[in-house]
Amino acid sequence: MSERWTWTYEQADGTPVSDLGIASVTFPTQADAEAWLSQEWGTLADAGVQAVTLKRDEEVVYGPMSLSPAAE
């Protein structure tokens, strides 16, 4: 059985954001998932996503991770 890597999307209070039309995007590897996020994080942030969590199948790998710029 192959692994499925997915992102979940959240508001700042942890409420899921699920109406983006991309909730079903899956990736064959962690590297593919992370590469996609590095290209799309700005689009996600503009759509109201404030944090993401990476999952391998149903297991949380890491997150929630903020999409907000680091404070200076």
N, C-alpha and C. Protein backbone atom coordinates (compact mmCIF):
# COMPACT_ATOMS: atom_id res chain seq x y z
N MET A 1 0.85 -1.19 0.00
CA MET A 1 0.00 0.00 0.00
C MET A 1 0.89 1.24 0.00
N SER A 2 0.60 2.17 -0.86
CA SER A 2 1.41 3.37 -0.95
C SER A 2 0.88 4.45 0.00
N GLU A 3 1.78 5.30 0.41
CA GLU A 3 1.41 6.39 1.30
C GLU A 3 0.76 7.52 0.51
N ARG A 4 -0.11 8.25 1.20
CA ARG A 4 -0.72 9.45 0.63
C ARG A 4 -0.36 10.61 1.53
N TRP A 5 0.19 11.64 0.95
CA TRP A 5 0.57 12.84 1.68
C TRP A 5 -0.43 13.93 1.33
N THR A 6 -0.98 14.57 2.35
CA THR A 6 -1.98 15.62 2.13
C THR A 6 -1.74 16.77 3.10
N TRP A 7 -2.25 17.93 2.73
CA TRP A 7 -2.25 19.09 3.61
C TRP A 7 -3.67 19.32 4.11
N THR A 8 -3.79 19.73 5.37
CA THR A 8 -5.07 20.25 5.86
C THR A 8 -4.86 21.74 6.10
N TYR A 9 -5.92 22.50 5.98
CA TYR A 9 -5.86 23.96 6.01
C TYR A 9 -6.70 24.47 7.16
N GLU A 10 -6.16 25.47 7.89
CA GLU A 10 -6.83 25.94 9.10
C GLU A 10 -6.80 27.46 9.20
N GLN A 11 -7.80 27.98 9.94
CA GLN A 11 -7.79 29.38 10.34
C GLN A 11 -6.93 29.47 11.60
N ALA A 12 -6.68 30.67 12.09
CA ALA A 12 -5.82 30.89 13.25
C ALA A 12 -6.32 30.16 14.49
N ASP A 13 -7.65 30.03 14.63
CA ASP A 13 -8.20 29.37 15.81
C ASP A 13 -8.29 27.85 15.66
N GLY A 14 -7.76 27.31 14.57
CA GLY A 14 -7.77 25.87 14.35
C GLY A 14 -8.97 25.35 13.58
N THR A 15 -9.89 26.24 13.25
CA THR A 15 -11.06 25.85 12.47
C THR A 15 -10.62 25.43 11.08
N PRO A 16 -11.06 24.25 10.62
CA PRO A 16 -10.66 23.81 9.27
C PRO A 16 -11.20 24.73 8.18
N VAL A 17 -10.41 24.91 7.15
CA VAL A 17 -10.83 25.62 5.94
C VAL A 17 -10.95 24.53 4.88
N SER A 18 -12.16 24.26 4.45
CA SER A 18 -12.35 23.11 3.55
C SER A 18 -13.00 23.46 2.22
N ASP A 19 -13.36 24.70 2.01
CA ASP A 19 -14.07 25.05 0.77
C ASP A 19 -13.15 25.66 -0.28
N LEU A 20 -11.90 25.20 -0.34
CA LEU A 20 -10.94 25.76 -1.29
C LEU A 20 -10.94 25.05 -2.64
N GLY A 21 -11.58 23.89 -2.72
CA GLY A 21 -11.58 23.14 -3.96
C GLY A 21 -10.28 22.37 -4.19
N ILE A 22 -9.40 22.37 -3.20
CA ILE A 22 -8.13 21.64 -3.34
C ILE A 22 -7.93 20.67 -2.18
N ALA A 23 -8.95 20.47 -1.38
CA ALA A 23 -8.82 19.62 -0.21
C ALA A 23 -8.44 18.19 -0.56
N SER A 24 -8.72 17.76 -1.78
CA SER A 24 -8.45 16.37 -2.14
C SER A 24 -7.10 16.18 -2.84
N VAL A 25 -6.28 17.23 -2.89
CA VAL A 25 -4.97 17.11 -3.52
C VAL A 25 -4.10 16.18 -2.69
N THR A 26 -3.57 15.12 -3.33
CA THR A 26 -2.69 14.19 -2.63
C THR A 26 -1.37 14.11 -3.38
N PHE A 27 -0.35 13.69 -2.66
CA PHE A 27 1.00 13.63 -3.21
C PHE A 27 1.62 12.28 -2.90
N PRO A 28 2.48 11.76 -3.78
CA PRO A 28 3.08 10.45 -3.55
C PRO A 28 4.22 10.46 -2.53
N THR A 29 4.81 11.65 -2.29
CA THR A 29 5.94 11.74 -1.36
C THR A 29 5.83 13.02 -0.53
N GLN A 30 6.54 13.03 0.58
CA GLN A 30 6.60 14.23 1.41
C GLN A 30 7.26 15.37 0.64
N ALA A 31 8.31 15.06 -0.11
CA ALA A 31 9.00 16.09 -0.88
C ALA A 31 8.07 16.74 -1.90
N ASP A 32 7.23 15.96 -2.56
CA ASP A 32 6.27 16.51 -3.52
C ASP A 32 5.27 17.43 -2.81
N ALA A 33 4.78 17.01 -1.65
CA ALA A 33 3.83 17.83 -0.90
C ALA A 33 4.47 19.15 -0.48
N GLU A 34 5.69 19.08 0.01
CA GLU A 34 6.38 20.30 0.46
C GLU A 34 6.73 21.22 -0.71
N ALA A 35 7.09 20.65 -1.84
CA ALA A 35 7.39 21.47 -3.03
C ALA A 35 6.13 22.20 -3.49
N TRP A 36 5.00 21.51 -3.47
CA TRP A 36 3.74 22.14 -3.85
C TRP A 36 3.42 23.29 -2.90
N LEU A 37 3.58 23.07 -1.60
CA LEU A 37 3.28 24.11 -0.63
C LEU A 37 4.19 25.32 -0.83
N SER A 38 5.45 25.08 -1.16
CA SER A 38 6.37 26.20 -1.34
C SER A 38 5.95 27.09 -2.52
N GLN A 39 5.23 26.51 -3.47
CA GLN A 39 4.74 27.28 -4.62
C GLN A 39 3.38 27.92 -4.35
N GLU A 40 2.58 27.29 -3.51
CA GLU A 40 1.17 27.69 -3.36
C GLU A 40 0.84 28.38 -2.05
N TRP A 41 1.79 28.53 -1.13
CA TRP A 41 1.45 29.07 0.18
C TRP A 41 0.84 30.47 0.09
N GLY A 42 1.31 31.29 -0.82
CA GLY A 42 0.76 32.64 -0.97
C GLY A 42 -0.70 32.62 -1.40
N THR A 43 -1.02 31.73 -2.32
CA THR A 43 -2.41 31.58 -2.78
C THR A 43 -3.30 31.12 -1.63
N LEU A 44 -2.78 30.17 -0.85
CA LEU A 44 -3.54 29.67 0.31
C LEU A 44 -3.77 30.79 1.32
N ALA A 45 -2.72 31.55 1.61
CA ALA A 45 -2.85 32.65 2.57
C ALA A 45 -3.86 33.67 2.07
N ASP A 46 -3.83 33.98 0.79
CA ASP A 46 -4.79 34.93 0.21
C ASP A 46 -6.23 34.42 0.31
N ALA A 47 -6.39 33.09 0.34
CA ALA A 47 -7.72 32.48 0.44
C ALA A 47 -8.20 32.36 1.88
N GLY A 48 -7.39 32.84 2.83
CA GLY A 48 -7.81 32.82 4.23
C GLY A 48 -7.21 31.72 5.06
N VAL A 49 -6.37 30.89 4.47
CA VAL A 49 -5.70 29.83 5.24
C VAL A 49 -4.60 30.49 6.06
N GLN A 50 -4.57 30.19 7.35
CA GLN A 50 -3.56 30.79 8.22
C GLN A 50 -2.55 29.78 8.72
N ALA A 51 -2.86 28.48 8.59
CA ALA A 51 -1.94 27.43 9.03
C ALA A 51 -2.22 26.17 8.23
N VAL A 52 -1.20 25.33 8.10
CA VAL A 52 -1.35 24.06 7.40
C VAL A 52 -0.74 22.95 8.26
N THR A 53 -1.25 21.74 8.04
CA THR A 53 -0.73 20.55 8.70
C THR A 53 -0.49 19.49 7.64
N LEU A 54 0.68 18.87 7.68
CA LEU A 54 1.00 17.80 6.73
C LEU A 54 0.65 16.46 7.36
N LYS A 55 -0.05 15.63 6.58
CA LYS A 55 -0.42 14.29 7.04
C LYS A 55 0.09 13.23 6.07
N ARG A 56 0.53 12.12 6.64
CA ARG A 56 0.85 10.92 5.86
C ARG A 56 -0.27 9.95 6.17
N ASP A 57 -1.07 9.65 5.17
CA ASP A 57 -2.32 8.93 5.36
C ASP A 57 -3.13 9.71 6.39
N GLU A 58 -3.42 9.20 7.56
CA GLU A 58 -4.18 9.95 8.57
C GLU A 58 -3.29 10.44 9.72
N GLU A 59 -2.00 10.15 9.67
CA GLU A 59 -1.07 10.52 10.74
C GLU A 59 -0.49 11.92 10.51
N VAL A 60 -0.53 12.76 11.55
CA VAL A 60 0.06 14.09 11.45
C VAL A 60 1.58 13.95 11.45
N VAL A 61 2.22 14.51 10.42
CA VAL A 61 3.68 14.52 10.33
C VAL A 61 4.21 15.76 11.04
N TYR A 62 3.63 16.92 10.71
CA TYR A 62 3.93 18.15 11.44
C TYR A 62 2.85 19.17 11.18
N GLY A 63 2.80 20.13 12.09
CA GLY A 63 1.83 21.19 11.98
C GLY A 63 0.98 21.24 13.23
N PRO A 64 0.17 22.26 13.33
CA PRO A 64 -0.04 23.30 12.33
C PRO A 64 1.15 24.23 12.21
N MET A 65 1.39 24.64 10.98
CA MET A 65 2.48 25.54 10.63
C MET A 65 1.87 26.81 10.05
N SER A 66 2.22 27.94 10.63
CA SER A 66 1.67 29.22 10.21
C SER A 66 2.11 29.59 8.80
N LEU A 67 1.23 30.22 8.06
CA LEU A 67 1.57 30.77 6.75
C LEU A 67 1.85 32.27 6.83
N SER A 68 1.77 32.83 8.02
CA SER A 68 2.04 34.26 8.20
C SER A 68 3.55 34.52 8.14
N PRO A 69 3.92 35.67 7.62
CA PRO A 69 5.36 36.02 7.59
C PRO A 69 5.90 36.09 9.02
N ALA A 70 7.16 35.75 9.17
CA ALA A 70 7.81 35.82 10.48
C ALA A 70 7.86 37.27 10.94
N ALA A 71 7.66 37.46 12.24
CA ALA A 71 7.75 38.82 12.81
C ALA A 71 9.21 39.25 12.83
N GLU A 72 9.42 40.51 12.57
CA GLU A 72 10.80 41.03 12.57
C GLU A 72 11.17 41.56 13.92
